[in-house]
Amino acid sequence: MVTQLCRWMRWKGFYGPTSFSDEDLTEHFENNEVPYSCLRTAAPWGPDDTLCAPESCVAGRTCFEASMKRKGAPLS
């Protein structure tokens, strides 16, 4: 389950409304059918050369910064 996203992680493929429930995001990420990238590197890996994905962009990773978005806030 997605509990907190890194503020630098980006993905393509989640079109439609700009606000989503935790369940919607979790289901989307579990399908893992979209490319992820790091905004800091503009590549599919982070500054530490590790893959950028919801399951690897987590607290404890040296480049991780928690997203400032709140539940129900727009994702723009």
N, C-alpha and C. Protein backbone atom coordinates (compact mmCIF):
# COMPACT_ATOMS: atom_id res chain seq x y z
N MET A 1 0.83 -1.18 0.00
CA MET A 1 0.00 0.00 0.00
C MET A 1 0.88 1.25 0.00
N VAL A 2 0.53 2.21 -0.80
CA VAL A 2 1.27 3.46 -0.88
C VAL A 2 0.91 4.29 0.35
N THR A 3 1.90 4.64 1.16
CA THR A 3 1.64 5.45 2.33
C THR A 3 2.14 6.87 2.15
N GLN A 4 3.27 7.04 1.51
CA GLN A 4 3.80 8.37 1.27
C GLN A 4 4.63 8.34 0.00
N LEU A 5 4.45 9.35 -0.84
CA LEU A 5 5.17 9.43 -2.10
C LEU A 5 6.35 10.38 -1.98
N CYS A 6 7.39 10.10 -2.73
CA CYS A 6 8.52 11.01 -2.82
C CYS A 6 8.11 12.20 -3.69
N ARG A 7 8.47 13.38 -3.27
CA ARG A 7 8.07 14.58 -4.01
C ARG A 7 8.71 14.66 -5.39
N TRP A 8 9.76 13.88 -5.65
CA TRP A 8 10.47 13.93 -6.93
C TRP A 8 10.00 12.87 -7.91
N MET A 9 9.22 11.90 -7.48
CA MET A 9 8.77 10.82 -8.36
C MET A 9 7.64 11.31 -9.26
N ARG A 10 7.73 10.98 -10.54
CA ARG A 10 6.70 11.32 -11.51
C ARG A 10 6.34 10.08 -12.30
N TRP A 11 5.13 10.08 -12.86
CA TRP A 11 4.69 8.96 -13.67
C TRP A 11 3.70 9.45 -14.72
N LYS A 12 3.53 8.65 -15.75
CA LYS A 12 2.55 8.96 -16.79
C LYS A 12 1.48 7.90 -16.75
N GLY A 13 0.27 8.31 -17.10
CA GLY A 13 -0.78 7.31 -17.22
C GLY A 13 -1.95 7.47 -16.29
N PHE A 14 -1.90 8.40 -15.36
CA PHE A 14 -3.01 8.56 -14.42
C PHE A 14 -3.78 9.81 -14.81
N TYR A 15 -4.62 9.68 -15.84
CA TYR A 15 -5.34 10.81 -16.38
C TYR A 15 -6.75 10.87 -15.82
N GLY A 16 -7.33 12.04 -15.86
CA GLY A 16 -8.70 12.19 -15.39
C GLY A 16 -8.75 13.21 -14.27
N PRO A 17 -9.45 12.89 -13.19
CA PRO A 17 -9.58 13.83 -12.08
C PRO A 17 -8.22 14.20 -11.50
N THR A 18 -8.16 15.34 -10.84
CA THR A 18 -6.88 15.78 -10.26
C THR A 18 -6.76 15.45 -8.78
N SER A 19 -7.74 14.77 -8.21
CA SER A 19 -7.68 14.38 -6.82
C SER A 19 -8.12 12.92 -6.70
N PHE A 20 -7.38 12.12 -5.95
CA PHE A 20 -7.63 10.69 -5.88
C PHE A 20 -7.59 10.21 -4.43
N SER A 21 -8.30 9.13 -4.18
CA SER A 21 -8.26 8.53 -2.84
C SER A 21 -6.99 7.69 -2.72
N ASP A 22 -6.62 7.35 -1.50
CA ASP A 22 -5.48 6.47 -1.27
C ASP A 22 -5.68 5.13 -1.97
N GLU A 23 -6.92 4.62 -1.98
CA GLU A 23 -7.21 3.34 -2.62
C GLU A 23 -6.98 3.41 -4.13
N ASP A 24 -7.39 4.52 -4.76
CA ASP A 24 -7.17 4.69 -6.19
C ASP A 24 -5.69 4.68 -6.53
N LEU A 25 -4.90 5.43 -5.76
CA LEU A 25 -3.46 5.47 -6.01
C LEU A 25 -2.82 4.10 -5.80
N THR A 26 -3.20 3.42 -4.72
CA THR A 26 -2.64 2.10 -4.44
C THR A 26 -2.94 1.14 -5.57
N GLU A 27 -4.18 1.11 -6.05
CA GLU A 27 -4.54 0.22 -7.16
C GLU A 27 -3.74 0.56 -8.41
N HIS A 28 -3.59 1.82 -8.71
CA HIS A 28 -2.83 2.25 -9.88
C HIS A 28 -1.37 1.80 -9.78
N PHE A 29 -0.75 2.01 -8.63
CA PHE A 29 0.65 1.63 -8.46
C PHE A 29 0.84 0.12 -8.45
N GLU A 30 -0.11 -0.64 -7.91
CA GLU A 30 0.01 -2.10 -7.88
C GLU A 30 0.02 -2.68 -9.28
N ASN A 31 -0.68 -2.05 -10.22
CA ASN A 31 -0.66 -2.51 -11.61
C ASN A 31 0.70 -2.27 -12.24
N ASN A 32 1.42 -1.26 -11.79
CA ASN A 32 2.80 -0.97 -12.21
C ASN A 32 2.95 -1.02 -13.73
N GLU A 33 2.01 -0.42 -14.43
CA GLU A 33 2.03 -0.45 -15.90
C GLU A 33 2.46 0.86 -16.52
N VAL A 34 2.99 1.78 -15.76
CA VAL A 34 3.37 3.08 -16.29
C VAL A 34 4.85 3.33 -16.01
N PRO A 35 5.51 4.14 -16.85
CA PRO A 35 6.91 4.46 -16.58
C PRO A 35 7.01 5.51 -15.47
N TYR A 36 7.95 5.31 -14.58
CA TYR A 36 8.23 6.25 -13.51
C TYR A 36 9.54 6.95 -13.82
N SER A 37 9.67 8.18 -13.35
CA SER A 37 10.93 8.88 -13.49
C SER A 37 11.13 9.79 -12.28
N CYS A 38 12.37 10.20 -12.11
CA CYS A 38 12.74 11.09 -11.02
C CYS A 38 12.90 12.50 -11.59
N LEU A 39 12.23 13.45 -10.99
CA LEU A 39 12.31 14.83 -11.47
C LEU A 39 13.71 15.41 -11.27
N ARG A 40 14.45 14.88 -10.32
CA ARG A 40 15.80 15.40 -10.07
C ARG A 40 16.79 14.95 -11.12
N THR A 41 16.56 13.77 -11.72
CA THR A 41 17.51 13.26 -12.71
C THR A 41 16.93 13.24 -14.12
N ALA A 42 15.61 13.38 -14.24
CA ALA A 42 14.92 13.26 -15.53
C ALA A 42 15.21 11.91 -16.17
N ALA A 43 15.28 10.89 -15.34
CA ALA A 43 15.59 9.54 -15.79
C ALA A 43 14.80 8.54 -14.93
N PRO A 44 14.79 7.26 -15.33
CA PRO A 44 14.06 6.26 -14.54
C PRO A 44 14.81 5.80 -13.29
N TRP A 45 15.82 6.52 -12.88
CA TRP A 45 16.54 6.22 -11.65
C TRP A 45 16.78 7.54 -10.91
N GLY A 46 17.02 7.43 -9.63
CA GLY A 46 17.23 8.62 -8.81
C GLY A 46 18.69 9.02 -8.77
N PRO A 47 19.03 10.06 -8.00
CA PRO A 47 20.41 10.53 -7.87
C PRO A 47 21.35 9.48 -7.28
N ASP A 48 20.79 8.49 -6.62
CA ASP A 48 21.60 7.41 -6.04
C ASP A 48 21.74 6.22 -6.98
N ASP A 49 21.32 6.37 -8.25
CA ASP A 49 21.40 5.34 -9.29
C ASP A 49 20.54 4.11 -9.00
N THR A 50 19.49 4.28 -8.20
CA THR A 50 18.55 3.21 -7.91
C THR A 50 17.24 3.49 -8.64
N LEU A 51 16.56 2.43 -9.07
CA LEU A 51 15.32 2.54 -9.84
C LEU A 51 14.31 3.45 -9.16
N CYS A 52 13.62 4.23 -9.96
CA CYS A 52 12.54 5.08 -9.49
C CYS A 52 11.23 4.34 -9.66
N ALA A 53 10.58 4.01 -8.57
CA ALA A 53 9.30 3.31 -8.56
C ALA A 53 8.69 3.49 -7.17
N PRO A 54 7.37 3.39 -7.06
CA PRO A 54 6.73 3.61 -5.76
C PRO A 54 7.29 2.74 -4.64
N GLU A 55 7.63 1.49 -4.97
CA GLU A 55 8.13 0.59 -3.92
C GLU A 55 9.59 0.85 -3.56
N SER A 56 10.33 1.61 -4.36
CA SER A 56 11.72 1.89 -4.03
C SER A 56 11.96 3.35 -3.63
N CYS A 57 11.06 4.24 -3.97
CA CYS A 57 11.19 5.66 -3.59
C CYS A 57 10.49 5.86 -2.25
N VAL A 58 11.15 5.41 -1.20
CA VAL A 58 10.55 5.38 0.13
C VAL A 58 11.46 6.06 1.15
N ALA A 59 10.87 6.39 2.30
CA ALA A 59 11.64 6.97 3.40
C ALA A 59 12.81 6.04 3.73
N GLY A 60 13.94 6.61 4.01
CA GLY A 60 15.14 5.83 4.28
C GLY A 60 16.10 5.86 3.10
N ARG A 61 15.59 6.11 1.91
CA ARG A 61 16.46 6.26 0.75
C ARG A 61 17.09 7.65 0.83
N THR A 62 18.36 7.76 0.51
CA THR A 62 19.08 9.01 0.74
C THR A 62 18.50 10.20 -0.01
N CYS A 63 17.89 9.99 -1.16
CA CYS A 63 17.35 11.10 -1.96
C CYS A 63 15.86 11.35 -1.70
N PHE A 64 15.22 10.55 -0.85
CA PHE A 64 13.79 10.67 -0.60
C PHE A 64 13.45 11.97 0.11
N GLU A 65 12.41 12.64 -0.41
CA GLU A 65 11.80 13.79 0.27
C GLU A 65 10.30 13.58 0.20
N ALA A 66 9.66 13.61 1.33
CA ALA A 66 8.22 13.37 1.38
C ALA A 66 7.46 14.44 0.61
N SER A 67 6.44 14.00 -0.10
CA SER A 67 5.58 14.93 -0.82
C SER A 67 4.84 15.80 0.18
N MET A 68 4.63 17.03 -0.18
CA MET A 68 3.91 17.96 0.69
C MET A 68 2.41 17.91 0.42
N LYS A 69 1.98 17.08 -0.53
CA LYS A 69 0.56 16.99 -0.88
C LYS A 69 -0.20 16.32 0.26
N ARG A 70 -1.39 16.80 0.51
CA ARG A 70 -2.24 16.22 1.53
C ARG A 70 -3.32 15.38 0.85
N LYS A 71 -3.86 14.45 1.57
CA LYS A 71 -4.92 13.60 1.05
C LYS A 71 -6.07 14.47 0.52
N GLY A 72 -6.46 14.20 -0.72
CA GLY A 72 -7.56 14.93 -1.35
C GLY A 72 -7.13 16.21 -2.03
N ALA A 73 -5.84 16.57 -1.90
CA ALA A 73 -5.36 17.79 -2.54
C ALA A 73 -5.08 17.51 -4.01
N PRO A 74 -5.21 18.51 -4.88
CA PRO A 74 -4.92 18.31 -6.30
C PRO A 74 -3.48 17.84 -6.52
N LEU A 75 -3.26 17.01 -7.54
CA LEU A 75 -1.94 16.48 -7.82
C LEU A 75 -1.16 17.36 -8.78
N SER A 76 -1.68 18.50 -9.16
CA SER A 76 -0.99 19.37 -10.12
C SER A 76 0.21 20.05 -9.49
